[in-house]
Protein backbone atom coordinates (compact mmCIF):
# COMPACT_ATOMS: atom_id res chain seq x y z
CA UNK A 1 -0.98 -6.04 14.13
CA UNK A 2 -3.71 -7.93 15.92
CA UNK A 3 -3.01 -11.13 17.81
CA UNK A 4 -5.14 -12.99 15.26
CA UNK A 5 -3.11 -11.64 12.33
CA UNK A 6 0.12 -12.60 14.10
CA UNK A 7 -1.18 -16.12 14.72
CA UNK A 8 -2.36 -16.49 11.11
CA UNK A 9 1.03 -15.28 9.86
CA UNK A 10 2.88 -17.78 12.05
CA UNK A 11 0.61 -20.67 11.03
CA UNK A 12 0.96 -19.75 7.34
CA UNK A 13 4.76 -19.64 7.53
CA UNK A 14 4.88 -22.93 9.48
CA UNK A 15 2.58 -24.55 6.92
CA UNK A 16 4.84 -23.53 4.04
CA UNK A 17 7.93 -24.78 5.89
CA UNK A 18 6.35 -28.11 6.84
CA UNK A 19 4.85 -28.85 3.42
CA UNK A 20 7.62 -27.39 1.27
CA UNK A 21 4.91 -25.56 -0.67
CA UNK A 22 5.91 -22.38 -2.45
CA UNK A 23 4.09 -19.08 -2.09
CA UNK A 24 3.02 -19.44 -5.74
CA UNK A 25 1.52 -22.89 -5.10
CA UNK A 26 -0.28 -21.67 -1.99
CA UNK A 27 -1.60 -18.70 -3.94
CA UNK A 28 -3.17 -21.01 -6.49
CA UNK A 29 -4.52 -23.30 -3.78
CA UNK A 30 -6.03 -20.53 -1.64
CA UNK A 31 -7.09 -17.98 -4.24
CA UNK A 32 -5.07 -15.21 -2.56
CA UNK A 33 -2.82 -13.11 -4.81
CA UNK A 34 0.85 -13.98 -4.46
CA UNK A 35 1.64 -10.33 -3.67
CA UNK A 36 -0.69 -10.48 -0.65
CA UNK A 37 1.01 -13.66 0.57
CA UNK A 38 4.40 -11.99 0.09
CA UNK A 39 3.27 -9.10 2.30
CA UNK A 40 1.93 -11.51 4.91
CA UNK A 41 5.24 -13.39 5.00
CA UNK A 42 7.56 -10.39 4.94
CA UNK A 43 5.81 -7.67 6.90
CA UNK A 44 5.54 -8.46 10.60
CA UNK A 45 2.90 -5.75 11.04
CA UNK A 46 0.68 -6.91 8.15
CA UNK A 47 -2.99 -6.92 9.18
CA UNK A 48 -4.82 -9.85 7.56
CA UNK A 49 -8.42 -9.31 6.41
CA UNK A 50 -11.07 -11.72 7.64
CA UNK A 51 -11.79 -12.88 4.08
CA UNK A 52 -8.12 -13.80 3.63
CA UNK A 53 -8.01 -15.58 6.98
CA UNK A 54 -10.77 -17.84 5.68
CA UNK A 55 -8.93 -18.44 2.39
CA UNK A 56 -5.67 -19.19 4.20
CA UNK A 57 -7.42 -21.70 6.46
CA UNK A 58 -9.05 -23.37 3.45
CA UNK A 59 -5.72 -23.41 1.61
CA UNK A 60 -4.24 -25.21 4.60
CA UNK A 61 -7.06 -27.74 4.53
CA UNK A 62 -8.76 -26.50 7.71
CA UNK A 63 -12.49 -26.68 8.12
CA UNK A 64 -14.04 -23.54 9.54
CA UNK A 65 -17.19 -23.50 11.60
CA UNK A 66 -19.47 -20.53 11.29
CA UNK A 67 -22.55 -20.29 13.42
CA UNK A 68 -25.86 -19.76 11.66
CA UNK A 69 -27.03 -16.17 11.63
């Protein structure tokens, strides 16, 4: 697992704990299938795709900056 995936996993789990949001609610909010979120939460070696990192950040209410190409 990459350092980024590990960080995303930790932030996701902290977010759920702090907000009391369920995996189902976060799935609806982020657009990520609940099964993918289950894998992220349960499998310590789960490698998160870049597209899902963006969706997780948006689901947590984070604004992402992308530089113009």
